[in-house]
Amino acid sequence: MTVTETDVRRLALALPATTEKPSYATPGFRVKDKLFARIREEGDVLVVFVADEAEKSALIRAEPRKFFTLPHYDGSPTVLVRFAAVGVDELAELLTDSWRIRAPKRLRAEFDAAR
């Protein structure tokens, strides 16, 4: 089943201290006002943060039908995810990982302790 914008919104907003605020006129999700995910203009592609450029390259090489990038994102530790290529569980993991990368240390520690 294809992931939808509703799934992205539900999962992202379930993470602590997350708000939705437009980014480039599309739905953006922020933790303490730091963007951690955004739905691109296409409507079926999500931008998420990864640990570094090496992880980005590894994801794209391993699963190119799922992960990709564009020149706009060169030099940025972000990867693009096709909605049609991920399930809800993987989407939740990608959003949580991106949230963890962008969340303040104290909030991340509280989140990890509660899990």
C-alpha atoms as a PDB file:
ATOM      1  CA  MET A   1       0.000   0.000   0.000  1.00  0.00           C
ATOM      2  CA  THR A   2       1.383   3.398  -0.976  1.00  0.00           C
ATOM      3  CA  VAL A   3       2.230   5.845   1.755  1.00  0.00           C
ATOM      4  CA  THR A   4       0.211   9.070   1.683  1.00  0.00           C
ATOM      5  CA  GLU A   5       0.646  12.637   2.854  1.00  0.00           C
ATOM      6  CA  THR A   6      -1.767  11.761   5.671  1.00  0.00           C
ATOM      7  CA  ASP A   7       0.599   8.973   6.817  1.00  0.00           C
ATOM      8  CA  VAL A   8       3.581  11.340   6.753  1.00  0.00           C
ATOM      9  CA  ARG A   9       1.678  13.973   8.738  1.00  0.00           C
ATOM     10  CA  ARG A  10       0.375  11.480  11.329  1.00  0.00           C
ATOM     11  CA  LEU A  11       3.778   9.895  11.924  1.00  0.00           C
ATOM     12  CA  ALA A  12       5.750  13.142  11.944  1.00  0.00           C
ATOM     13  CA  LEU A  13       3.375  14.954  14.293  1.00  0.00           C
ATOM     14  CA  ALA A  14       3.458  11.993  16.708  1.00  0.00           C
ATOM     15  CA  LEU A  15       7.123  12.765  17.421  1.00  0.00           C
ATOM     16  CA  PRO A  16       7.819  15.036  20.432  1.00  0.00           C
ATOM     17  CA  ALA A  17       7.936  18.817  19.979  1.00  0.00           C
ATOM     18  CA  THR A  18       7.027  18.527  16.288  1.00  0.00           C
ATOM     19  CA  THR A  19       5.065  21.169  14.444  1.00  0.00           C
ATOM     20  CA  GLU A  20       3.971  21.510  10.854  1.00  0.00           C
ATOM     21  CA  LYS A  21       5.030  24.674   9.074  1.00  0.00           C
ATOM     22  CA  PRO A  22       5.219  25.168   5.300  1.00  0.00           C
ATOM     23  CA  SER A  23       8.627  24.890   3.691  1.00  0.00           C
ATOM     24  CA  TYR A  24       8.889  26.026   0.054  1.00  0.00           C
ATOM     25  CA  ALA A  25       5.056  26.189   0.106  1.00  0.00           C
ATOM     26  CA  THR A  26       4.780  22.463   0.908  1.00  0.00           C
ATOM     27  CA  PRO A  27       4.142  20.635   4.206  1.00  0.00           C
ATOM     28  CA  GLY A  28       7.243  20.806   6.380  1.00  0.00           C
ATOM     29  CA  PHE A  29       7.783  19.181   9.759  1.00  0.00           C
ATOM     30  CA  ARG A  30       9.994  20.734  12.399  1.00  0.00           C
ATOM     31  CA  VAL A  31      11.360  19.792  15.783  1.00  0.00           C
ATOM     32  CA  LYS A  32      11.973  22.900  17.882  1.00  0.00           C
ATOM     33  CA  ASP A  33      11.749  24.901  14.626  1.00  0.00           C
ATOM     34  CA  LYS A  34      14.437  22.830  12.841  1.00  0.00           C
ATOM     35  CA  LEU A  35      13.168  21.229   9.657  1.00  0.00           C
ATOM     36  CA  PHE A  36      13.477  17.428   9.692  1.00  0.00           C
ATOM     37  CA  ALA A  37      11.134  16.419   6.864  1.00  0.00           C
ATOM     38  CA  ARG A  38       9.282  17.999   3.989  1.00  0.00           C
ATOM     39  CA  ILE A  39       6.938  16.798   1.303  1.00  0.00           C
ATOM     40  CA  ARG A  40       8.188  18.009  -2.063  1.00  0.00           C
ATOM     41  CA  GLU A  41       6.111  19.765  -4.691  1.00  0.00           C
ATOM     42  CA  GLU A  42       5.468  16.466  -6.510  1.00  0.00           C
ATOM     43  CA  GLY A  43       3.327  15.405  -3.538  1.00  0.00           C
ATOM     44  CA  ASP A  44       4.684  11.873  -3.430  1.00  0.00           C
ATOM     45  CA  VAL A  45       8.307  12.505  -2.477  1.00  0.00           C
ATOM     46  CA  LEU A  46       9.608  13.156   1.032  1.00  0.00           C
ATOM     47  CA  VAL A  47      12.860  14.903   1.974  1.00  0.00           C
ATOM     48  CA  VAL A  48      14.483  13.536   5.156  1.00  0.00           C
ATOM     49  CA  PHE A  49      17.798  14.103   6.880  1.00  0.00           C
ATOM     50  CA  VAL A  50      20.400  11.344   7.179  1.00  0.00           C
ATOM     51  CA  ALA A  51      23.557  11.173   9.281  1.00  0.00           C
ATOM     52  CA  ASP A  52      25.947  12.299   6.540  1.00  0.00           C
ATOM     53  CA  GLU A  53      26.772  12.214   2.839  1.00  0.00           C
ATOM     54  CA  ALA A  54      28.146   8.657   3.154  1.00  0.00           C
ATOM     55  CA  GLU A  55      24.809   7.357   4.463  1.00  0.00           C
ATOM     56  CA  LYS A  56      22.986   9.272   1.724  1.00  0.00           C
ATOM     57  CA  SER A  57      25.165   7.682  -0.980  1.00  0.00           C
ATOM     58  CA  ALA A  58      24.803   4.221   0.552  1.00  0.00           C
ATOM     59  CA  LEU A  59      21.002   4.448   0.645  1.00  0.00           C
ATOM     60  CA  ILE A  60      20.788   5.637  -2.963  1.00  0.00           C
ATOM     61  CA  ARG A  61      23.194   2.931  -4.174  1.00  0.00           C
ATOM     62  CA  ALA A  62      21.430   0.171  -2.210  1.00  0.00           C
ATOM     63  CA  GLU A  63      17.850   1.051  -3.166  1.00  0.00           C
ATOM     64  CA  PRO A  64      17.693   3.520  -6.082  1.00  0.00           C
ATOM     65  CA  ARG A  65      13.985   2.974  -6.724  1.00  0.00           C
ATOM     66  CA  LYS A  66      13.283   4.068  -3.145  1.00  0.00           C
ATOM     67  CA  PHE A  67      15.933   6.743  -2.494  1.00  0.00           C
ATOM     68  CA  PHE A  68      17.327   9.423  -4.792  1.00  0.00           C
ATOM     69  CA  THR A  69      18.612  12.973  -4.839  1.00  0.00           C
ATOM     70  CA  LEU A  70      18.634  16.037  -7.068  1.00  0.00           C
ATOM     71  CA  PRO A  71      21.352  18.633  -7.719  1.00  0.00           C
ATOM     72  CA  HIS A  72      19.572  21.040  -5.332  1.00  0.00           C
ATOM     73  CA  TYR A  73      20.479  18.678  -2.461  1.00  0.00           C
ATOM     74  CA  ASP A  74      24.151  18.191  -3.392  1.00  0.00           C
ATOM     75  CA  GLY A  75      26.319  18.671  -0.320  1.00  0.00           C
ATOM     76  CA  SER A  76      23.357  18.274   2.018  1.00  0.00           C
ATOM     77  CA  PRO A  77      22.829  15.237   4.273  1.00  0.00           C
ATOM     78  CA  THR A  78      19.309  14.765   2.925  1.00  0.00           C
ATOM     79  CA  VAL A  79      17.778  12.071   0.783  1.00  0.00           C
ATOM     80  CA  LEU A  80      14.554  11.957  -1.219  1.00  0.00           C
ATOM     81  CA  VAL A  81      12.133   9.100  -0.603  1.00  0.00           C
ATOM     82  CA  ARG A  82       9.455   7.940  -3.041  1.00  0.00           C
ATOM     83  CA  PHE A  83       6.131   7.363  -1.231  1.00  0.00           C
ATOM     84  CA  ALA A  84       5.291   4.429  -3.517  1.00  0.00           C
ATOM     85  CA  ALA A  85       8.486   2.563  -2.588  1.00  0.00           C
ATOM     86  CA  VAL A  86       8.191   2.559   1.222  1.00  0.00           C
ATOM     87  CA  GLY A  87       5.730   1.089   3.661  1.00  0.00           C
ATOM     88  CA  VAL A  88       4.337   2.818   6.722  1.00  0.00           C
ATOM     89  CA  ASP A  89       6.767   1.066   9.102  1.00  0.00           C
ATOM     90  CA  GLU A  90       9.807   2.116   7.076  1.00  0.00           C
ATOM     91  CA  LEU A  91       8.395   5.628   6.747  1.00  0.00           C
ATOM     92  CA  ALA A  92       8.063   5.811  10.544  1.00  0.00           C
ATOM     93  CA  GLU A  93      11.687   4.729  10.913  1.00  0.00           C
ATOM     94  CA  LEU A  94      12.932   7.261   8.346  1.00  0.00           C
ATOM     95  CA  LEU A  95      10.995  10.100   9.988  1.00  0.00           C
ATOM     96  CA  THR A  96      12.159   9.105  13.478  1.00  0.00           C
ATOM     97  CA  ASP A  97      15.799   8.906  12.369  1.00  0.00           C
ATOM     98  CA  SER A  98      15.543  12.297  10.683  1.00  0.00           C
ATOM     99  CA  TRP A  99      13.855  13.755  13.778  1.00  0.00           C
ATOM    100  CA  ARG A 100      16.644  12.351  15.998  1.00  0.00           C
ATOM    101  CA  ILE A 101      19.332  13.954  13.785  1.00  0.00           C
ATOM    102  CA  ARG A 102      17.695  17.383  14.028  1.00  0.00           C
ATOM    103  CA  ALA A 103      16.295  17.319  17.592  1.00  0.00           C
ATOM    104  CA  PRO A 104      18.137  19.042  20.448  1.00  0.00           C
ATOM    105  CA  LYS A 105      20.274  16.680  22.533  1.00  0.00           C
ATOM    106  CA  ARG A 106      18.098  16.927  25.678  1.00  0.00           C
ATOM    107  CA  LEU A 107      14.864  16.236  23.798  1.00  0.00           C
ATOM    108  CA  ARG A 108      16.493  13.298  22.007  1.00  0.00           C
ATOM    109  CA  ALA A 109      17.668  11.875  25.350  1.00  0.00           C
ATOM    110  CA  GLU A 110      14.165  12.204  26.840  1.00  0.00           C
ATOM    111  CA  PHE A 111      12.685  10.503  23.778  1.00  0.00           C
ATOM    112  CA  ASP A 112      15.183   7.627  23.942  1.00  0.00           C
ATOM    113  CA  ALA A 113      14.634   7.156  27.686  1.00  0.00           C
ATOM    114  CA  ALA A 114      10.871   6.909  27.184  1.00  0.00           C
ATOM    115  CA  ARG A 115      11.150   4.200  24.506  1.00  0.00           C
END
